[in-house]
Amino acid sequence: MRTARFKCRNLLPHALKYALWALRPGGTLVVQDDGPALAETWEMPFAQVRRLVFKVLGGDAALVEMKPEAFRFTFTRTRPLPAPGWSAGLIFSGNDAELPAFTRCMEGLHAQPELTGEAGEILVCGPRRDLAFMAPWPQARYVEFETPPGPRFLISAKKNFLATQFRFDRVLILHARISLDPGCLAALPREFDVVTPAVFATVQGRRCAYLDYVISDATDPNRMATRFNVPIDYPRNRYHAFLDRGEPYIDGGLFAARRDILLSVPLDGNLGWSEGEDSDWCRRVRTSGFLVDLAVEATATTDANKMGRSVAPSAWDLIRRPIRRPLRALSAWGRYIGKRLQGER
């Protein structure tokens, strides 16, 4: 695998993982960089590539040979193929008002053959309550979790608890507003670290791309954004082409992951609903060397649309977008310069 076409486009982790997953255990992967040896402007030096290569491959492959003078590494895959089995966990509020969405979500889960056989399980995580509503799905297991009282909903703690209840290595966590489309799990790649299906919302009878694989300029809460996020309606079949514009994270409403990753890199229990717990977790997952990815062939549908017109922009919205964005950028620069003059930046 040659790094030149990937490393300056924020694609090297994808290329390394895809190359490794194309191998059987014991297979050989050669990574060839083209330098430079030292840091230069608009270049990714070999030292940086070397650090990234070992961070991404270190837990799944063994180094066979390294030739720094030739910018080349040789690895052999040590990670076994994934074991069969799927666990799915549904985050349920316990409110009766959510039961219609809950029913649609359960129907979507039971439409996945991977979850209904002996090598599958469906868990519902919610507070203690009357479980008569679970009668249509006797195979599903209800696990109780009492959300700590207070003005904040600590969703991270609930998902971390759910991760400890799963039996299988490949797990799926979703909110009740999400319904998996038929064949969703079958369309996911054989191997992944953390991945999301493509999520769609129905707006005026039209399926529109929704929050799933978000590409943001600033997922670090200590860093201000310096450019606009990639629009929600970007073409999902070309998502790799947008990764040079920011850092990806998966919306917390739906994601699949390896169970060991969820346990070793849990969500931050100090963060609650609407506090960026999903972008924070994905950022820590990526810095731990795991891949956060999108599976465009696997699809799901959301009942709720909290993003308004940005999900289904009108023709007028699309016409004025290239005009408004430069004007908003100039306005942002004006505010920035003003605050610099005042000593606030």
Protein backbone atom coordinates (compact mmCIF):
# COMPACT_ATOMS: atom_id res chain seq x y z
CA MET A 1 0.00 0.00 0.00
CA ARG A 2 1.49 3.34 -1.07
CA THR A 3 0.63 6.26 1.20
CA ALA A 4 1.09 9.14 -1.28
CA ARG A 5 -2.53 9.33 -2.48
CA PHE A 6 -4.01 9.09 1.01
CA LYS A 7 -1.90 10.75 3.68
CA CYS A 8 -2.60 14.41 2.88
CA ARG A 9 -6.35 13.83 2.40
CA ASN A 10 -7.11 12.49 5.90
CA LEU A 11 -7.51 9.05 4.33
CA LEU A 12 -4.47 7.15 5.58
CA PRO A 13 -6.30 5.47 8.51
CA HIS A 14 -8.97 4.27 6.07
CA ALA A 15 -6.37 2.95 3.60
CA LEU A 16 -4.40 1.14 6.32
CA LYS A 17 -7.47 -0.50 7.84
CA TYR A 18 -8.96 -1.48 4.47
CA ALA A 19 -5.65 -3.04 3.43
CA LEU A 20 -5.36 -4.97 6.69
CA TRP A 21 -8.97 -6.21 6.53
CA ALA A 22 -8.38 -7.47 2.99
CA LEU A 23 -5.91 -10.00 4.45
CA ARG A 24 -6.45 -13.26 6.23
CA PRO A 25 -4.58 -13.81 9.50
CA GLY A 26 -0.94 -14.36 8.63
CA GLY A 27 -1.18 -12.27 5.45
CA THR A 28 1.51 -9.68 4.65
CA LEU A 29 1.00 -5.94 4.32
CA VAL A 30 3.76 -3.69 2.94
CA VAL A 31 3.33 0.05 3.58
CA GLN A 32 5.45 2.28 1.34
CA ASP A 33 5.77 5.99 2.08
CA ASP A 34 7.48 8.57 -0.15
CA GLY A 35 8.73 10.96 2.54
CA PRO A 36 9.97 13.59 3.11
CA ALA A 37 12.00 12.58 6.11
CA LEU A 38 11.59 15.95 7.85
CA ALA A 39 8.58 18.20 8.25
CA GLU A 40 7.89 20.64 5.43
CA THR A 41 4.97 22.95 4.78
CA TRP A 42 2.01 21.20 3.12
CA GLU A 43 3.71 17.82 3.52
CA MET A 44 3.21 14.87 5.86
CA PRO A 45 6.71 13.71 6.84
CA PHE A 46 7.75 10.11 7.33
CA ALA A 47 7.96 10.58 11.13
CA GLN A 48 4.28 11.46 11.21
CA VAL A 49 3.36 8.58 8.88
CA ARG A 50 5.38 6.22 11.06
CA ARG A 51 3.51 7.28 14.19
CA LEU A 52 0.13 6.89 12.48
CA VAL A 53 1.00 3.50 10.96
CA PHE A 54 1.90 1.99 14.32
CA LYS A 55 -1.09 3.59 16.06
CA VAL A 56 -3.54 2.18 13.47
CA LEU A 57 -1.94 -1.23 12.89
CA GLY A 58 -0.18 -1.87 16.19
CA GLY A 59 -2.98 -3.84 17.82
CA ASP A 60 -3.86 -5.93 14.76
CA ALA A 61 -0.54 -6.70 13.06
CA ALA A 62 3.05 -7.56 13.94
CA LEU A 63 6.03 -5.74 12.46
CA VAL A 64 8.16 -8.03 10.30
CA GLU A 65 10.62 -5.52 8.86
CA MET A 66 11.13 -1.76 8.91
CA LYS A 67 13.46 0.16 6.60
CA PRO A 68 13.36 3.84 7.60
CA GLU A 69 15.84 4.80 4.88
CA ALA A 70 13.40 3.44 2.28
CA PHE A 71 10.27 4.68 4.10
CA ARG A 72 8.91 1.12 4.15
CA PHE A 73 7.24 -1.18 6.70
CA THR A 74 6.26 -4.83 6.42
CA PHE A 75 3.58 -6.28 8.70
CA THR A 76 1.82 -9.58 9.11
CA ARG A 77 -1.77 -9.68 10.24
CA THR A 78 -2.26 -11.18 13.70
CA ARG A 79 -5.87 -10.28 14.44
CA PRO A 80 -8.28 -13.21 13.91
CA LEU A 81 -11.33 -12.89 11.73
CA PRO A 82 -14.47 -11.69 13.54
CA ALA A 83 -16.39 -14.30 15.47
CA PRO A 84 -20.01 -14.86 14.41
CA GLY A 85 -22.74 -13.16 16.37
CA TRP A 86 -24.46 -9.81 16.73
CA SER A 87 -25.84 -7.91 19.72
CA ALA A 88 -28.22 -4.97 19.35
CA GLY A 89 -29.15 -2.55 22.11
CA LEU A 90 -32.10 -0.17 21.97
CA ILE A 91 -31.97 2.94 24.15
CA PHE A 92 -35.51 3.40 25.52
CA SER A 93 -36.67 6.33 27.64
CA GLY A 94 -39.48 4.35 29.30
CA ASN A 95 -42.09 6.93 28.30
CA ASP A 96 -45.36 5.70 26.81
CA ALA A 97 -45.17 8.48 24.21
CA GLU A 98 -42.13 6.75 22.72
CA LEU A 99 -43.87 3.37 22.28
CA PRO A 100 -44.94 3.90 18.61
CA ALA A 101 -41.35 4.70 17.63
CA PHE A 102 -40.16 1.83 19.84
CA THR A 103 -42.43 -0.57 17.96
CA ARG A 104 -41.10 0.52 14.57
CA CYS A 105 -37.54 0.22 15.84
CA MET A 106 -38.15 -3.31 17.15
CA GLU A 107 -39.74 -4.34 13.87
CA GLY A 108 -36.63 -3.13 12.05
CA LEU A 109 -34.38 -5.08 14.41
CA HIS A 110 -36.41 -8.28 14.06
CA ALA A 111 -36.20 -7.95 10.27
CA GLN A 112 -32.43 -8.59 10.56
CA PRO A 113 -31.72 -12.35 10.41
CA GLU A 114 -28.41 -11.78 12.23
CA LEU A 115 -30.29 -10.80 15.39
CA THR A 116 -33.01 -13.43 15.53
CA GLY A 117 -31.03 -16.68 15.49
CA GLU A 118 -28.85 -18.32 18.12
CA ALA A 119 -25.95 -16.04 17.23
CA GLY A 120 -27.95 -12.87 17.83
CA GLU A 121 -29.61 -10.96 20.64
CA ILE A 122 -31.71 -7.84 21.10
CA LEU A 123 -31.54 -5.86 24.33
CA VAL A 124 -33.78 -2.99 25.40
CA CYS A 125 -32.26 -0.66 27.98
CA GLY A 126 -34.63 1.48 30.00
CA PRO A 127 -35.90 2.28 33.49
CA ARG A 128 -37.92 -0.02 35.72
CA ARG A 129 -41.53 -0.10 34.49
CA ASP A 130 -44.38 -2.40 33.44
CA LEU A 131 -43.07 -4.65 30.66
CA ALA A 132 -46.37 -5.62 29.04
CA PHE A 133 -45.29 -3.70 25.94
CA MET A 134 -42.48 -6.25 25.44
CA ALA A 135 -44.95 -9.16 24.93
CA PRO A 136 -44.77 -9.16 21.09
CA TRP A 137 -41.01 -9.73 21.29
CA PRO A 138 -40.34 -12.54 23.77
CA GLN A 139 -36.81 -13.09 22.48
CA ALA A 140 -35.73 -9.56 23.38
CA ARG A 141 -34.22 -8.98 26.82
CA TYR A 142 -35.00 -5.91 28.93
CA VAL A 143 -32.13 -4.56 31.04
CA GLU A 144 -32.92 -1.94 33.64
CA PHE A 145 -30.94 1.25 33.95
CA GLU A 146 -32.13 4.10 36.14
CA THR A 147 -30.90 7.40 34.78
CA PRO A 148 -29.41 9.53 37.60
CA PRO A 149 -31.86 12.27 38.61
CA GLY A 150 -31.14 15.84 37.63
CA PRO A 151 -31.65 18.35 34.83
CA ARG A 152 -29.25 16.53 32.46
CA PHE A 153 -29.84 13.21 30.70
CA LEU A 154 -26.59 11.26 31.08
CA ILE A 155 -26.91 9.25 27.88
CA SER A 156 -23.23 8.27 27.94
CA ALA A 157 -23.58 6.40 31.23
CA LYS A 158 -26.57 4.51 29.84
CA LYS A 159 -24.70 3.42 26.70
CA ASN A 160 -21.63 2.43 28.72
CA PHE A 161 -23.81 0.26 30.93
CA LEU A 162 -25.46 -1.32 27.90
CA ALA A 163 -22.04 -2.20 26.46
CA THR A 164 -21.35 -4.40 29.49
CA GLN A 165 -24.53 -6.42 28.89
CA PHE A 166 -23.78 -7.64 25.36
CA ARG A 167 -22.72 -11.25 24.67
CA PHE A 168 -21.30 -10.92 21.16
CA ASP A 169 -18.31 -9.07 19.74
CA ARG A 170 -20.16 -7.05 17.10
CA VAL A 171 -22.66 -4.69 18.65
CA LEU A 172 -25.20 -2.14 17.47
CA ILE A 173 -26.63 0.67 19.61
CA LEU A 174 -29.56 2.77 18.44
CA HIS A 175 -32.25 5.12 19.69
CA ALA A 176 -35.93 4.30 19.33
CA ARG A 177 -36.38 6.88 16.55
CA ILE A 178 -34.19 4.74 14.24
CA SER A 179 -35.54 1.85 12.15
CA LEU A 180 -33.08 -0.42 10.36
CA ASP A 181 -34.01 -1.06 6.74
CA PRO A 182 -34.19 -4.73 5.61
CA GLY A 183 -30.73 -6.15 5.00
CA CYS A 184 -29.00 -3.40 6.98
CA LEU A 185 -26.69 -5.61 9.04
CA ALA A 186 -25.96 -7.88 6.07
CA ALA A 187 -24.76 -4.81 4.14
CA LEU A 188 -22.25 -3.78 6.80
CA PRO A 189 -18.63 -4.73 6.08
CA ARG A 190 -17.32 -8.00 7.47
CA GLU A 191 -14.83 -6.09 9.61
CA PHE A 192 -14.98 -2.65 11.18
CA ASP A 193 -13.98 -0.74 14.28
CA VAL A 194 -16.81 1.78 14.57
CA VAL A 195 -19.20 2.28 11.67
CA THR A 196 -22.64 3.70 10.93
CA PRO A 197 -25.19 2.84 8.28
CA ALA A 198 -26.40 5.72 6.14
CA VAL A 199 -29.44 7.27 7.83
CA PHE A 200 -32.31 8.87 5.92
CA ALA A 201 -35.27 11.02 6.90
CA THR A 202 -38.46 11.17 4.89
CA VAL A 203 -39.37 14.77 4.07
CA GLN A 204 -42.49 15.41 1.97
CA GLY A 205 -42.33 11.86 0.65
CA ARG A 206 -38.66 12.09 -0.30
CA ARG A 207 -35.79 10.20 1.37
CA CYS A 208 -33.12 12.67 2.37
CA ALA A 209 -29.71 12.09 3.93
CA TYR A 210 -29.76 12.73 7.67
CA LEU A 211 -27.28 12.89 10.53
CA ASP A 212 -25.06 9.82 10.38
CA TYR A 213 -21.43 10.39 9.34
CA VAL A 214 -20.82 14.05 10.20
CA ILE A 215 -17.67 15.81 9.01
CA SER A 216 -16.83 18.71 11.31
CA ASP A 217 -13.99 21.21 11.40
CA ALA A 218 -13.73 21.17 15.18
CA THR A 219 -14.62 18.12 17.29
CA ASP A 220 -12.20 19.23 20.03
CA PRO A 221 -14.23 21.34 22.49
CA ASN A 222 -11.10 23.38 23.22
CA ARG A 223 -10.71 24.46 19.59
CA MET A 224 -12.81 26.98 17.70
CA ALA A 225 -14.08 26.19 14.22
CA THR A 226 -12.23 27.86 11.35
CA ARG A 227 -14.50 26.74 8.50
CA PHE A 228 -18.07 25.63 7.88
CA ASN A 229 -19.03 22.00 8.41
CA VAL A 230 -19.67 19.85 5.37
CA PRO A 231 -23.45 20.15 4.64
CA ILE A 232 -25.67 17.33 5.86
CA ASP A 233 -26.79 16.56 2.31
CA TYR A 234 -23.32 15.77 0.95
CA PRO A 235 -23.32 12.73 -1.40
CA ARG A 236 -22.71 9.71 0.83
CA ASN A 237 -21.28 7.58 -2.00
CA ARG A 238 -18.39 10.08 -2.22
CA TYR A 239 -17.83 10.60 1.50
CA HIS A 240 -14.09 9.91 1.29
CA ALA A 241 -13.68 12.99 -0.90
CA PHE A 242 -14.90 15.24 1.93
CA LEU A 243 -12.61 13.98 4.68
CA ASP A 244 -9.93 16.56 3.89
CA ARG A 245 -12.40 19.21 5.15
CA GLY A 246 -12.63 18.06 8.73
CA GLU A 247 -12.84 15.24 11.25
CA PRO A 248 -15.58 12.62 11.05
CA TYR A 249 -17.83 11.56 13.87
CA ILE A 250 -20.94 9.40 14.03
CA ASP A 251 -24.22 10.75 15.33
CA GLY A 252 -25.09 8.97 18.55
CA GLY A 253 -28.51 7.85 17.33
CA LEU A 254 -27.07 4.78 15.56
CA PHE A 255 -23.68 3.10 15.39
CA ALA A 256 -22.08 -0.32 15.27
CA ALA A 257 -18.81 -1.13 16.99
CA ARG A 258 -16.55 -3.86 18.24
CA ARG A 259 -17.52 -4.59 21.82
CA ASP A 260 -13.91 -4.47 23.00
CA ILE A 261 -13.58 -0.93 21.67
CA LEU A 262 -16.70 0.17 23.54
CA LEU A 263 -15.28 -1.31 26.72
CA SER A 264 -11.73 0.01 26.33
CA VAL A 265 -12.74 3.46 25.04
CA PRO A 266 -16.10 4.13 26.72
CA LEU A 267 -18.16 7.24 26.23
CA ASP A 268 -17.35 10.02 28.67
CA GLY A 269 -19.74 9.50 31.56
CA ASN A 270 -19.52 13.19 32.44
CA LEU A 271 -21.23 14.17 29.18
CA GLY A 272 -24.97 14.05 28.65
CA TRP A 273 -27.56 14.63 25.96
CA SER A 274 -26.80 17.57 23.61
CA GLU A 275 -23.29 17.92 25.04
CA GLY A 276 -21.42 16.40 22.11
CA GLU A 277 -20.92 13.00 23.71
CA ASP A 278 -20.90 11.36 20.26
CA SER A 279 -18.27 13.64 18.68
CA ASP A 280 -16.16 13.45 21.85
CA TRP A 281 -16.25 9.65 21.84
CA CYS A 282 -15.45 9.34 18.13
CA ARG A 283 -12.52 11.70 18.53
CA ARG A 284 -11.07 9.57 21.33
CA VAL A 285 -11.75 6.40 19.32
CA ARG A 286 -9.80 7.82 16.37
CA THR A 287 -6.89 9.01 18.49
CA SER A 288 -6.70 5.47 19.91
CA GLY A 289 -6.00 4.17 16.40
CA PHE A 290 -9.46 2.86 15.51
CA LEU A 291 -11.36 3.72 12.34
CA VAL A 292 -14.63 5.67 12.43
CA ASP A 293 -16.35 4.88 9.15
CA LEU A 294 -19.54 4.93 7.08
CA ALA A 295 -21.19 1.98 5.30
CA VAL A 296 -23.25 3.56 2.53
CA GLU A 297 -24.78 0.24 1.40
CA ALA A 298 -26.39 -0.29 4.82
CA THR A 299 -29.34 2.04 5.42
CA ALA A 300 -31.71 3.05 8.19
CA THR A 301 -34.54 5.54 8.63
CA THR A 302 -35.15 8.09 11.37
CA ASP A 303 -38.61 9.15 12.52
CA ALA A 304 -37.50 12.56 13.74
CA ASN A 305 -36.03 15.48 11.81
CA LYS A 306 -34.47 18.01 14.16
CA MET A 307 -32.36 19.64 11.43
CA GLY A 308 -35.18 21.32 9.49
CA ARG A 309 -34.49 22.63 5.99
CA SER A 310 -30.80 21.65 6.06
CA VAL A 311 -31.92 18.03 5.54
CA ALA A 312 -34.10 18.80 2.52
CA PRO A 313 -32.88 22.11 1.06
CA SER A 314 -35.16 23.72 -1.50
CA ALA A 315 -33.98 24.78 -4.96
CA TRP A 316 -33.71 28.32 -3.60
CA ASP A 317 -31.57 27.10 -0.69
CA LEU A 318 -29.19 25.38 -3.11
CA ILE A 319 -28.98 28.47 -5.32
CA ARG A 320 -28.17 30.87 -2.50
CA ARG A 321 -25.83 28.51 -0.60
CA PRO A 322 -22.68 29.47 -2.63
CA ILE A 323 -23.63 33.15 -2.13
CA ARG A 324 -24.46 33.03 1.58
CA ARG A 325 -21.41 31.06 2.62
CA PRO A 326 -18.81 33.63 1.44
CA LEU A 327 -20.89 36.40 3.03
CA ARG A 328 -21.09 34.49 6.30
CA ALA A 329 -17.34 33.86 6.12
CA LEU A 330 -16.66 37.59 5.67
CA SER A 331 -18.97 38.34 8.60
CA ALA A 332 -17.14 35.77 10.75
CA TRP A 333 -13.77 37.27 9.80
CA GLY A 334 -15.07 40.74 10.70
CA ARG A 335 -16.14 39.52 14.15
CA TYR A 336 -12.82 37.73 14.62
CA ILE A 337 -10.75 40.81 13.73
CA GLY A 338 -12.91 42.97 16.00
CA LYS A 339 -12.36 40.62 18.93
CA ARG A 340 -8.64 40.45 18.18
CA LEU A 341 -8.48 44.23 18.42
CA GLN A 342 -10.30 44.02 21.73
CA GLY A 343 -7.87 41.37 23.02
CA GLU A 344 -10.48 38.61 23.14
CA ARG A 345 -8.83 36.44 20.48
